[in-house]
Amino acid sequence: LLTGLIALAASCWAFAQPDYYRLEFDIAVNKPAAEVWSKVGGYCDIGEWLGLDCEITQGDGGVGTVRVLNGTIVEPMVAQTELSYGYTQPVTEGEYYTLYHGFMEARPVSETTSKLIYTVMWDTSRSSEEEISAAVESRRNLFTTGLANMKEIAEAQ
């Protein structure tokens, strides 16, 4: 009985250990960071630079604001500075919680240039290597395209 309880505790412990995967993408922009942020940093501007439907369902654009992407992806804003914001995706009943978080920032490089940085992280502890590879490739395509679109919008006259 004791051996069985130890094995059960060990298997529960294995599932309790998250394995966070982090991706960071960036792109140089030939405009000052504040100007870049004014063009692409609104919480629903993601609709323009990723081609998604975005609706603010709660809040005023600051911390606590909730956006819904394509009618299904809920993302509350959990952090904000003058040139950045962070968000999460909440628990969905019946699904494993991956603790998905994203962070977008316009970082000054000089008085006339900046860098857009998009970072995402999530728990991959319950994912196979194939699932992780597919998720990484999907996010790489998504956010590389998004950053290129943001650069184009920000540098437009």
C-alpha atoms as a PDB file:
ATOM      1  CA  LEU A   1       0.000   0.000   0.000  1.00  0.00           C
ATOM      2  CA  LEU A   2       2.797   2.405   0.907  1.00  0.00           C
ATOM      3  CA  THR A   3       4.587   1.694  -2.384  1.00  0.00           C
ATOM      4  CA  GLY A   4       1.372   2.423  -4.276  1.00  0.00           C
ATOM      5  CA  LEU A   5       0.869   5.725  -2.452  1.00  0.00           C
ATOM      6  CA  ILE A   6       4.464   6.763  -3.156  1.00  0.00           C
ATOM      7  CA  ALA A   7       4.038   5.917  -6.852  1.00  0.00           C
ATOM      8  CA  LEU A   8       0.778   7.886  -6.972  1.00  0.00           C
ATOM      9  CA  ALA A   9       2.381  10.883  -5.268  1.00  0.00           C
ATOM     10  CA  ALA A  10       5.333  10.721  -7.672  1.00  0.00           C
ATOM     11  CA  SER A  11       3.036  10.634 -10.716  1.00  0.00           C
ATOM     12  CA  CYS A  12       1.043  13.618  -9.392  1.00  0.00           C
ATOM     13  CA  TRP A  13       4.300  15.480  -8.754  1.00  0.00           C
ATOM     14  CA  ALA A  14       5.378  14.833 -12.348  1.00  0.00           C
ATOM     15  CA  PHE A  15       2.244  16.536 -13.651  1.00  0.00           C
ATOM     16  CA  ALA A  16       2.666  19.412 -11.219  1.00  0.00           C
ATOM     17  CA  GLN A  17       6.054  20.382 -12.661  1.00  0.00           C
ATOM     18  CA  PRO A  18       5.489  22.962 -15.417  1.00  0.00           C
ATOM     19  CA  ASP A  19       7.939  23.301 -18.276  1.00  0.00           C
ATOM     20  CA  TYR A  20       7.721  26.849 -19.598  1.00  0.00           C
ATOM     21  CA  TYR A  21       8.643  27.563 -23.199  1.00  0.00           C
ATOM     22  CA  ARG A  22       9.570  31.134 -24.119  1.00  0.00           C
ATOM     23  CA  LEU A  23       9.796  32.739 -27.549  1.00  0.00           C
ATOM     24  CA  GLU A  24      10.956  36.282 -28.204  1.00  0.00           C
ATOM     25  CA  PHE A  25      10.676  38.048 -31.530  1.00  0.00           C
ATOM     26  CA  ASP A  26      11.872  41.533 -32.441  1.00  0.00           C
ATOM     27  CA  ILE A  27      12.166  43.870 -35.387  1.00  0.00           C
ATOM     28  CA  ALA A  28      13.942  47.195 -35.872  1.00  0.00           C
ATOM     29  CA  VAL A  29      11.764  50.196 -36.716  1.00  0.00           C
ATOM     30  CA  ASN A  30      12.983  53.480 -38.189  1.00  0.00           C
ATOM     31  CA  LYS A  31      10.765  55.638 -35.996  1.00  0.00           C
ATOM     32  CA  PRO A  32      10.923  56.755 -32.356  1.00  0.00           C
ATOM     33  CA  ALA A  33       9.380  54.293 -29.891  1.00  0.00           C
ATOM     34  CA  ALA A  34       6.617  56.673 -28.739  1.00  0.00           C
ATOM     35  CA  GLU A  35       5.526  57.254 -32.334  1.00  0.00           C
ATOM     36  CA  VAL A  36       5.609  53.519 -33.052  1.00  0.00           C
ATOM     37  CA  TRP A  37       3.545  52.777 -29.952  1.00  0.00           C
ATOM     38  CA  SER A  38       0.966  55.413 -30.873  1.00  0.00           C
ATOM     39  CA  LYS A  39       0.367  53.577 -34.156  1.00  0.00           C
ATOM     40  CA  VAL A  40       0.459  49.904 -33.093  1.00  0.00           C
ATOM     41  CA  GLY A  41       0.285  49.783 -29.290  1.00  0.00           C
ATOM     42  CA  GLY A  42      -3.451  50.008 -28.685  1.00  0.00           C
ATOM     43  CA  TYR A  43      -4.795  46.858 -27.063  1.00  0.00           C
ATOM     44  CA  CYS A  44      -7.035  46.064 -30.038  1.00  0.00           C
ATOM     45  CA  ASP A  45      -4.539  47.229 -32.687  1.00  0.00           C
ATOM     46  CA  ILE A  46      -3.705  43.524 -32.972  1.00  0.00           C
ATOM     47  CA  GLY A  47      -6.773  43.350 -35.211  1.00  0.00           C
ATOM     48  CA  GLU A  48      -5.027  45.515 -37.797  1.00  0.00           C
ATOM     49  CA  TRP A  49      -1.546  44.011 -37.714  1.00  0.00           C
ATOM     50  CA  LEU A  50      -2.626  40.367 -37.407  1.00  0.00           C
ATOM     51  CA  GLY A  51      -5.878  40.580 -39.347  1.00  0.00           C
ATOM     52  CA  LEU A  52      -8.012  39.379 -36.440  1.00  0.00           C
ATOM     53  CA  ASP A  53     -11.392  40.498 -35.181  1.00  0.00           C
ATOM     54  CA  CYS A  54     -10.751  42.224 -31.844  1.00  0.00           C
ATOM     55  CA  GLU A  55     -13.348  43.452 -29.399  1.00  0.00           C
ATOM     56  CA  ILE A  56     -12.795  45.106 -26.022  1.00  0.00           C
ATOM     57  CA  THR A  57     -15.365  43.486 -23.732  1.00  0.00           C
ATOM     58  CA  GLN A  58     -14.274  45.098 -20.483  1.00  0.00           C
ATOM     59  CA  GLY A  59     -12.144  48.027 -19.396  1.00  0.00           C
ATOM     60  CA  ASP A  60     -10.728  51.238 -20.799  1.00  0.00           C
ATOM     61  CA  GLY A  61      -7.507  50.065 -22.463  1.00  0.00           C
ATOM     62  CA  GLY A  62      -5.476  49.815 -19.247  1.00  0.00           C
ATOM     63  CA  VAL A  63      -4.686  46.960 -16.869  1.00  0.00           C
ATOM     64  CA  GLY A  64      -7.818  44.852 -16.425  1.00  0.00           C
ATOM     65  CA  THR A  65      -9.033  45.465 -19.970  1.00  0.00           C
ATOM     66  CA  VAL A  66     -10.236  42.299 -21.675  1.00  0.00           C
ATOM     67  CA  ARG A  67     -10.026  41.753 -25.422  1.00  0.00           C
ATOM     68  CA  VAL A  68     -11.625  38.898 -27.328  1.00  0.00           C
ATOM     69  CA  LEU A  69      -9.954  37.790 -30.558  1.00  0.00           C
ATOM     70  CA  ASN A  70     -12.030  36.190 -33.322  1.00  0.00           C
ATOM     71  CA  GLY A  71     -14.897  35.785 -30.853  1.00  0.00           C
ATOM     72  CA  THR A  72     -13.163  33.020 -28.888  1.00  0.00           C
ATOM     73  CA  ILE A  73      -9.722  33.952 -27.508  1.00  0.00           C
ATOM     74  CA  VAL A  74     -10.043  35.890 -24.247  1.00  0.00           C
ATOM     75  CA  GLU A  75      -7.021  37.956 -23.191  1.00  0.00           C
ATOM     76  CA  PRO A  76      -7.081  40.128 -20.054  1.00  0.00           C
ATOM     77  CA  MET A  77      -4.324  42.761 -19.859  1.00  0.00           C
ATOM     78  CA  VAL A  78      -2.255  42.127 -16.718  1.00  0.00           C
ATOM     79  CA  ALA A  79       0.562  44.690 -17.077  1.00  0.00           C
ATOM     80  CA  GLN A  80       1.146  48.009 -18.807  1.00  0.00           C
ATOM     81  CA  THR A  81       3.765  50.735 -19.136  1.00  0.00           C
ATOM     82  CA  GLU A  82       3.950  53.771 -21.379  1.00  0.00           C
ATOM     83  CA  LEU A  83       5.346  51.623 -24.244  1.00  0.00           C
ATOM     84  CA  SER A  84       4.265  48.074 -23.431  1.00  0.00           C
ATOM     85  CA  TYR A  85       1.559  45.720 -22.236  1.00  0.00           C
ATOM     86  CA  GLY A  86       1.294  42.155 -21.040  1.00  0.00           C
ATOM     87  CA  TYR A  87      -1.653  39.808 -21.174  1.00  0.00           C
ATOM     88  CA  THR A  88      -2.680  36.283 -20.288  1.00  0.00           C
ATOM     89  CA  GLN A  89      -5.248  33.759 -21.407  1.00  0.00           C
ATOM     90  CA  PRO A  90      -7.436  32.577 -18.518  1.00  0.00           C
ATOM     91  CA  VAL A  91      -8.404  29.064 -17.543  1.00  0.00           C
ATOM     92  CA  THR A  92     -10.938  27.419 -19.859  1.00  0.00           C
ATOM     93  CA  GLU A  93     -13.167  24.893 -18.125  1.00  0.00           C
ATOM     94  CA  GLY A  94     -12.323  21.330 -19.103  1.00  0.00           C
ATOM     95  CA  GLU A  95      -8.947  22.233 -20.674  1.00  0.00           C
ATOM     96  CA  TYR A  96      -5.435  22.018 -19.278  1.00  0.00           C
ATOM     97  CA  TYR A  97      -4.238  25.483 -18.252  1.00  0.00           C
ATOM     98  CA  THR A  98      -1.007  26.375 -20.077  1.00  0.00           C
ATOM     99  CA  LEU A  99      -0.506  29.712 -18.279  1.00  0.00           C
ATOM    100  CA  TYR A 100      -0.106  31.401 -21.686  1.00  0.00           C
ATOM    101  CA  HIS A 101       1.251  34.961 -21.428  1.00  0.00           C
ATOM    102  CA  GLY A 102       2.274  37.521 -24.022  1.00  0.00           C
ATOM    103  CA  PHE A 103       4.192  40.774 -23.763  1.00  0.00           C
ATOM    104  CA  MET A 104       4.566  43.461 -26.408  1.00  0.00           C
ATOM    105  CA  GLU A 105       6.949  46.412 -26.169  1.00  0.00           C
ATOM    106  CA  ALA A 106       8.277  49.304 -28.232  1.00  0.00           C
ATOM    107  CA  ARG A 107      11.818  49.831 -26.934  1.00  0.00           C
ATOM    108  CA  PRO A 108      13.773  53.004 -27.770  1.00  0.00           C
ATOM    109  CA  VAL A 109      17.112  52.348 -29.490  1.00  0.00           C
ATOM    110  CA  SER A 110      17.965  55.964 -30.340  1.00  0.00           C
ATOM    111  CA  GLU A 111      16.054  59.213 -30.624  1.00  0.00           C
ATOM    112  CA  THR A 112      14.848  58.225 -34.106  1.00  0.00           C
ATOM    113  CA  THR A 113      14.765  54.406 -34.004  1.00  0.00           C
ATOM    114  CA  SER A 114      13.237  51.675 -31.895  1.00  0.00           C
ATOM    115  CA  LYS A 115      12.673  47.968 -31.672  1.00  0.00           C
ATOM    116  CA  LEU A 116       9.356  46.148 -31.372  1.00  0.00           C
ATOM    117  CA  ILE A 117       9.613  43.088 -29.138  1.00  0.00           C
ATOM    118  CA  TYR A 118       6.944  40.423 -28.745  1.00  0.00           C
ATOM    119  CA  THR A 119       7.471  37.683 -26.154  1.00  0.00           C
ATOM    120  CA  VAL A 120       5.198  34.721 -25.451  1.00  0.00           C
ATOM    121  CA  MET A 121       5.495  31.892 -22.947  1.00  0.00           C
ATOM    122  CA  TRP A 122       3.398  28.886 -22.029  1.00  0.00           C
ATOM    123  CA  ASP A 123       3.588  25.577 -20.171  1.00  0.00           C
ATOM    124  CA  THR A 124       4.503  22.680 -22.462  1.00  0.00           C
ATOM    125  CA  SER A 125       4.741  20.011 -19.731  1.00  0.00           C
ATOM    126  CA  ARG A 126       1.794  18.059 -21.124  1.00  0.00           C
ATOM    127  CA  SER A 127       2.795  18.431 -24.784  1.00  0.00           C
ATOM    128  CA  SER A 128       4.694  15.988 -26.963  1.00  0.00           C
ATOM    129  CA  GLU A 129       7.809  17.112 -28.814  1.00  0.00           C
ATOM    130  CA  GLU A 130       5.736  17.188 -32.020  1.00  0.00           C
ATOM    131  CA  GLU A 131       3.073  19.385 -30.409  1.00  0.00           C
ATOM    132  CA  ILE A 132       5.719  21.758 -29.060  1.00  0.00           C
ATOM    133  CA  SER A 133       7.420  21.977 -32.464  1.00  0.00           C
ATOM    134  CA  ALA A 134       4.099  22.700 -34.166  1.00  0.00           C
ATOM    135  CA  ALA A 135       3.197  25.360 -31.581  1.00  0.00           C
ATOM    136  CA  VAL A 136       6.604  27.029 -31.914  1.00  0.00           C
ATOM    137  CA  GLU A 137       6.392  27.075 -35.719  1.00  0.00           C
ATOM    138  CA  SER A 138       2.834  28.418 -35.631  1.00  0.00           C
ATOM    139  CA  ARG A 139       3.750  31.212 -33.220  1.00  0.00           C
ATOM    140  CA  ARG A 140       6.946  31.975 -35.145  1.00  0.00           C
ATOM    141  CA  ASN A 141       4.911  32.460 -38.344  1.00  0.00           C
ATOM    142  CA  LEU A 142       2.194  34.437 -36.568  1.00  0.00           C
ATOM    143  CA  PHE A 143       4.383  36.875 -34.667  1.00  0.00           C
ATOM    144  CA  THR A 144       7.010  37.316 -37.387  1.00  0.00           C
ATOM    145  CA  THR A 145       4.199  38.337 -39.731  1.00  0.00           C
ATOM    146  CA  GLY A 146       2.672  40.548 -37.030  1.00  0.00           C
ATOM    147  CA  LEU A 147       5.948  42.360 -36.356  1.00  0.00           C
ATOM    148  CA  ALA A 148       6.545  42.931 -40.084  1.00  0.00           C
ATOM    149  CA  ASN A 149       3.037  44.377 -40.368  1.00  0.00           C
ATOM    150  CA  MET A 150       3.594  46.584 -37.305  1.00  0.00           C
ATOM    151  CA  LYS A 151       6.855  47.871 -38.792  1.00  0.00           C
ATOM    152  CA  GLU A 152       5.064  48.744 -42.036  1.00  0.00           C
ATOM    153  CA  ILE A 153       2.271  50.549 -40.180  1.00  0.00           C
ATOM    154  CA  ALA A 154       4.685  52.392 -37.889  1.00  0.00           C
ATOM    155  CA  GLU A 155       6.993  53.542 -40.675  1.00  0.00           C
ATOM    156  CA  ALA A 156       4.183  54.635 -43.017  1.00  0.00           C
ATOM    157  CA  GLN A 157       4.040  58.381 -43.680  1.00  0.00           C
END
